Amino acid sequence: MQNVDVVQGSAQVAEKKAFWGDFLFRALSPRFFAIVALVVLLGAGVSRMLPDKYSTYAVLQTGFFDGPAYTLSEMAQFLRSIDLVKPRAAACGIHMDDIALQKYLGWDVSATEIKGTSMIRLSVQYDDPVAVQKLTAQLADLLIGMGNEKLNRFRDVTRERLANMSEQRKSMYASLDKAWLVKSGTAYKLSGVADFPVLTLLLQNSLPGMNAQITSLINSEADLKMALAKSEDFRLVSSPALPLKRWRFLTLFVLLGVAVGLLDAWFAFGRSRSV
């Protein structure tokens, strides 16, 4: 029985190999290469009618040690804001009305978080290599400035909280010392008095709670100090690059041509096998 299963399995594998081998033999035909060439030529013609598009990018170090000070959705809002971007674009020689600029920002300007780091990548595309470099620098300065404003507010609030915690800790230490003095004094002065066991029990229950509060406060201070120490100013990590974009457009049409050619070969192969 096992021998029969092995033979059947081998026959199925051989049949599949024969099937795909026959398909590839029929697919790689002059018709397939003609379709690919036609689609690539179409893409080349379209790309010649389009203006050259250049792409720049800037990598920014963000402020907080546990991730960007701004979420990606907040950064996207900044980069889509006509009021923020329009004067900066105009200063770079990019003049558009609000509708055209909104469309441009939606397609050609983006910010993405680099996974596993506290950095973001700002990408900008435009058909003028000089203007796109200037606009990338302007938008990077915008994000750096707004990020540092938020970071400075965080630092001010954190320092104020640490100062308040320090005063609170001093007050709690003073209360703790006073409680120990009251306990020892009560033990000396009220020994033999009927209420002494009650006072002692109250003090014994309150002292551990006070110690726990102080410990929790110290841990909170340590966390805030850690966040403050590891917060870094927004800054530019790498300078903008300027690759040409047209070759990517042609690559897309090459892949599209191969896909169309294979799809055409598949249908032709299916028709031939059904006859």
Protein backbone atom coordinates (compact mmCIF):
# COMPACT_ATOMS: atom_id res chain seq x y z
CA MET A 1 0.00 0.00 0.00
CA GLN A 2 2.82 2.35 0.86
CA ASN A 3 4.50 1.63 -2.47
CA VAL A 4 1.29 2.59 -4.28
CA ASP A 5 1.14 5.93 -2.36
CA VAL A 6 4.78 6.64 -3.21
CA VAL A 7 4.19 5.90 -6.87
CA GLN A 8 1.06 8.09 -6.93
CA GLY A 9 2.95 10.93 -5.17
CA SER A 10 5.83 10.71 -7.64
CA ALA A 11 3.39 10.73 -10.54
CA GLN A 12 1.69 13.89 -9.20
CA VAL A 13 5.05 15.67 -8.78
CA ALA A 14 6.09 14.65 -12.28
CA GLU A 15 2.73 15.86 -13.65
CA LYS A 16 3.12 19.26 -11.96
CA LYS A 17 6.66 19.64 -13.29
CA ALA A 18 5.48 18.75 -16.78
CA PHE A 19 2.58 21.22 -16.47
CA TRP A 20 4.73 24.19 -15.44
CA GLY A 21 7.49 23.24 -17.85
CA ASP A 22 5.00 23.18 -20.72
CA PHE A 23 3.56 26.52 -19.58
CA LEU A 24 6.98 28.22 -19.42
CA PHE A 25 7.93 26.78 -22.80
CA ARG A 26 4.77 28.20 -24.36
CA ALA A 27 4.91 31.46 -22.37
CA LEU A 28 8.41 32.45 -23.42
CA SER A 29 7.33 32.93 -26.99
CA PRO A 30 7.82 35.83 -29.42
CA ARG A 31 4.29 36.98 -28.52
CA PHE A 32 5.29 37.31 -24.83
CA PHE A 33 8.39 39.37 -25.62
CA ALA A 34 6.40 41.49 -28.06
CA ILE A 35 3.84 42.33 -25.37
CA VAL A 36 6.58 43.23 -22.84
CA ALA A 37 8.37 45.40 -25.41
CA LEU A 38 5.10 47.14 -26.36
CA VAL A 39 4.25 47.98 -22.72
CA VAL A 40 7.82 49.19 -22.02
CA LEU A 41 7.76 51.40 -25.12
CA LEU A 42 4.41 52.78 -23.99
CA GLY A 43 5.91 53.55 -20.58
CA ALA A 44 8.95 55.21 -22.17
CA GLY A 45 6.66 57.37 -24.28
CA VAL A 46 4.57 58.40 -21.29
CA SER A 47 7.67 59.12 -19.19
CA ARG A 48 9.07 61.40 -21.91
CA MET A 49 5.87 63.44 -21.79
CA LEU A 50 6.12 63.82 -18.03
CA PRO A 51 8.56 66.25 -16.42
CA ASP A 52 11.57 64.85 -14.62
CA LYS A 53 10.72 64.40 -10.97
CA TYR A 54 13.39 64.56 -8.29
CA SER A 55 13.15 63.23 -4.77
CA THR A 56 14.92 64.42 -1.64
CA TYR A 57 14.76 63.11 1.89
CA ALA A 58 15.92 64.18 5.32
CA VAL A 59 16.26 61.95 8.38
CA LEU A 60 15.44 63.68 11.67
CA GLN A 61 16.28 62.64 15.21
CA THR A 62 13.16 63.17 17.32
CA GLY A 63 12.98 64.36 20.87
CA PHE A 64 11.76 61.66 23.27
CA PHE A 65 13.77 58.56 24.05
CA ASP A 66 10.73 56.27 23.72
CA GLY A 67 9.55 57.52 20.31
CA PRO A 68 8.76 60.67 18.34
CA ALA A 69 7.53 63.70 20.27
CA TYR A 70 4.82 63.99 17.61
CA THR A 71 2.82 61.10 16.23
CA LEU A 72 2.94 60.47 12.49
CA SER A 73 -0.64 61.71 12.14
CA GLU A 74 0.33 65.00 13.82
CA MET A 75 3.36 65.36 11.54
CA ALA A 76 1.15 64.66 8.53
CA GLN A 77 -1.17 67.47 9.64
CA PHE A 78 1.78 69.88 9.81
CA LEU A 79 2.97 68.84 6.34
CA ARG A 80 -0.55 69.17 4.88
CA SER A 81 -1.19 72.60 6.40
CA ILE A 82 -1.52 75.22 3.67
CA ASP A 83 -0.86 78.02 6.17
CA LEU A 84 2.42 76.44 7.29
CA VAL A 85 3.74 75.17 3.96
CA LYS A 86 2.59 77.76 1.40
CA PRO A 87 4.92 80.62 2.47
CA ARG A 88 7.85 78.18 2.73
CA ALA A 89 7.11 76.76 -0.72
CA ALA A 90 6.86 80.25 -2.19
CA ALA A 91 10.24 81.14 -0.67
CA CYS A 92 11.66 78.13 -2.57
CA GLY A 93 10.16 79.26 -5.89
CA ILE A 94 7.21 76.84 -5.77
CA HIS A 95 4.08 78.91 -6.45
CA MET A 96 0.72 77.09 -6.43
CA ASP A 97 -2.85 77.96 -5.57
CA ASP A 98 -4.36 76.29 -2.49
CA ILE A 99 -6.04 73.45 -4.43
CA ALA A 100 -2.91 72.54 -6.41
CA LEU A 101 -0.73 72.83 -3.31
CA GLN A 102 -3.07 70.60 -1.28
CA LYS A 103 -2.92 67.96 -4.02
CA TYR A 104 0.86 68.28 -4.23
CA LEU A 105 1.29 67.87 -0.46
CA GLY A 106 -0.97 64.83 -0.47
CA TRP A 107 1.05 63.05 -3.17
CA ASP A 108 4.65 64.27 -2.98
CA VAL A 109 5.34 65.12 0.68
CA SER A 110 5.40 62.46 3.39
CA ALA A 111 6.90 61.61 6.78
CA THR A 112 7.48 58.04 7.94
CA GLU A 113 8.84 56.65 11.19
CA ILE A 114 11.99 54.52 10.94
CA LYS A 115 11.08 51.39 12.87
CA GLY A 116 13.11 50.56 15.95
CA THR A 117 14.46 54.11 16.23
CA SER A 118 13.33 57.54 17.38
CA MET A 119 13.91 58.97 13.90
CA ILE A 120 11.62 60.02 11.07
CA ARG A 121 12.24 60.25 7.35
CA LEU A 122 10.87 63.28 5.52
CA SER A 123 10.47 62.72 1.75
CA VAL A 124 9.71 65.46 -0.80
CA GLN A 125 9.32 65.20 -4.60
CA TYR A 126 9.27 67.96 -7.21
CA ASP A 127 10.36 68.51 -10.82
CA ASP A 128 12.97 71.17 -9.98
CA PRO A 129 16.08 69.75 -8.22
CA VAL A 130 17.03 73.05 -6.62
CA ALA A 131 13.54 73.94 -5.42
CA VAL A 132 12.91 70.47 -3.96
CA GLN A 133 16.15 70.60 -1.95
CA LYS A 134 15.23 74.02 -0.58
CA LEU A 135 11.70 72.92 0.30
CA THR A 136 12.99 69.79 2.04
CA ALA A 137 15.29 71.96 4.17
CA GLN A 138 12.42 74.35 4.95
CA LEU A 139 10.06 71.55 6.00
CA ALA A 140 12.80 69.88 8.06
CA ASP A 141 13.37 73.20 9.87
CA LEU A 142 9.60 73.42 10.44
CA LEU A 143 9.44 69.98 12.09
CA ILE A 144 12.62 70.61 14.07
CA GLY A 145 11.34 73.96 15.36
CA MET A 146 7.90 72.69 16.32
CA GLY A 147 9.38 69.55 17.86
CA ASN A 148 11.81 71.53 20.00
CA GLU A 149 9.02 73.83 21.17
CA LYS A 150 7.05 70.83 22.42
CA LEU A 151 10.19 69.30 23.89
CA ASN A 152 11.03 72.48 25.81
CA ARG A 153 7.50 72.58 27.23
CA PHE A 154 7.92 68.97 28.33
CA ARG A 155 11.24 69.81 30.00
CA ASP A 156 9.81 72.84 31.82
CA VAL A 157 6.82 70.88 33.12
CA THR A 158 9.04 67.95 34.14
CA ARG A 159 11.48 70.17 36.04
CA GLU A 160 8.56 71.83 37.83
CA ARG A 161 7.12 68.42 38.76
CA LEU A 162 10.52 67.28 40.03
CA ALA A 163 10.84 70.42 42.18
CA ASN A 164 7.37 69.81 43.65
CA MET A 165 8.20 66.17 44.27
CA SER A 166 11.41 67.17 46.05
CA GLU A 167 9.49 69.45 48.39
CA GLN A 168 6.84 66.78 48.91
CA ARG A 169 9.54 64.23 49.72
CA LYS A 170 11.14 66.55 52.27
CA SER A 171 7.75 67.10 53.89
CA MET A 172 7.08 63.36 54.01
CA TYR A 173 10.49 62.69 55.57
CA ALA A 174 9.74 65.35 58.21
CA SER A 175 6.35 63.76 58.92
CA LEU A 176 8.01 60.35 59.17
CA ASP A 177 10.62 61.63 61.63
CA LYS A 178 7.88 63.31 63.69
CA ALA A 179 5.87 60.09 63.77
CA TRP A 180 8.86 58.16 65.10
CA LEU A 181 9.44 60.83 67.77
CA VAL A 182 5.78 60.74 68.78
CA LYS A 183 5.90 56.99 68.97
CA SER A 184 9.03 56.90 71.13
CA GLY A 185 7.81 59.80 73.31
CA THR A 186 4.43 58.22 73.77
CA ALA A 187 6.04 54.97 74.72
CA TYR A 188 8.04 56.77 77.41
CA LYS A 189 5.42 59.16 78.77
CA LEU A 190 2.26 57.07 78.51
CA SER A 191 3.52 53.70 79.60
CA GLY A 192 0.86 52.16 81.79
CA VAL A 193 -1.86 54.48 80.49
CA ALA A 194 -4.89 52.67 79.14
CA ASP A 195 -4.82 54.49 75.74
CA PHE A 196 -1.17 53.67 75.01
CA PRO A 197 -1.81 50.36 73.14
CA VAL A 198 -4.26 52.14 70.83
CA LEU A 199 -1.77 54.94 70.00
CA THR A 200 1.00 52.45 69.42
CA LEU A 201 -1.17 50.40 67.06
CA LEU A 202 -2.11 53.50 65.03
CA LEU A 203 1.54 54.54 64.68
CA GLN A 204 2.68 51.05 63.73
CA ASN A 205 0.04 50.93 60.96
CA SER A 206 0.82 54.42 59.61
CA LEU A 207 4.62 54.19 59.46
CA PRO A 208 4.80 51.43 56.79
CA GLY A 209 2.27 53.31 54.67
CA MET A 210 4.35 56.47 54.85
CA ASN A 211 7.48 54.52 53.89
CA ALA A 212 5.63 53.04 50.89
CA GLN A 213 4.49 56.50 49.76
CA ILE A 214 8.05 57.81 49.95
CA THR A 215 9.36 54.84 47.98
CA SER A 216 6.71 55.36 45.28
CA LEU A 217 7.58 59.06 45.10
CA ILE A 218 11.30 58.31 44.72
CA ASN A 219 10.55 55.85 41.89
CA SER A 220 8.41 58.45 40.11
CA GLU A 221 11.20 61.00 40.43
CA ALA A 222 13.67 58.49 38.97
CA ASP A 223 11.39 57.86 35.95
CA LEU A 224 11.00 61.58 35.28
CA LYS A 225 14.75 62.17 35.61
CA MET A 226 15.38 59.33 33.15
CA ALA A 227 12.95 60.79 30.62
CA LEU A 228 14.51 64.23 31.06
CA ALA A 229 18.06 62.93 30.69
CA LYS A 230 17.29 60.94 27.54
CA SER A 231 15.25 63.62 25.78
CA GLU A 232 17.14 64.93 22.78
CA ASP A 233 16.58 68.01 20.67
CA PHE A 234 15.08 67.53 17.23
CA ARG A 235 17.93 67.74 14.72
CA LEU A 236 18.87 66.77 11.19
CA VAL A 237 20.72 63.45 11.10
CA SER A 238 21.43 63.08 7.37
CA SER A 239 21.48 65.60 4.56
CA PRO A 240 18.92 65.46 1.74
CA ALA A 241 19.69 63.18 -1.24
CA LEU A 242 18.57 63.76 -4.82
CA PRO A 243 17.94 60.63 -6.95
CA LEU A 244 16.29 60.80 -10.37
CA LYS A 245 12.80 59.32 -10.37
CA ARG A 246 12.20 58.48 -14.06
CA TRP A 247 13.93 55.08 -13.94
CA ARG A 248 11.48 53.96 -11.27
CA PHE A 249 8.61 54.81 -13.60
CA LEU A 250 10.19 52.73 -16.38
CA THR A 251 10.82 49.84 -13.96
CA LEU A 252 7.12 49.87 -13.11
CA PHE A 253 6.21 49.53 -16.79
CA VAL A 254 8.72 46.69 -17.25
CA LEU A 255 7.08 44.79 -14.40
CA LEU A 256 3.65 45.63 -15.80
CA GLY A 257 4.71 44.34 -19.23
CA VAL A 258 5.95 41.05 -17.76
CA ALA A 259 2.69 40.65 -15.81
CA VAL A 260 0.56 41.32 -18.91
CA GLY A 261 2.66 38.93 -20.99
CA LEU A 262 2.39 36.13 -18.43
CA LEU A 263 -1.35 36.70 -18.05
CA ASP A 264 -1.84 36.53 -21.81
CA ALA A 265 0.28 33.36 -21.97
CA TRP A 266 -1.74 31.80 -19.14
CA PHE A 267 -5.06 32.29 -20.92
CA ALA A 268 -3.58 31.06 -24.19
CA PHE A 269 -2.15 28.01 -22.43
CA GLY A 270 -5.48 27.29 -20.78
CA ARG A 271 -7.29 27.44 -24.13
CA SER A 272 -4.76 25.11 -25.72
CA ARG A 273 -5.17 22.51 -22.99
CA SER A 274 -8.97 22.64 -23.13
CA VAL A 275 -9.03 21.86 -26.85
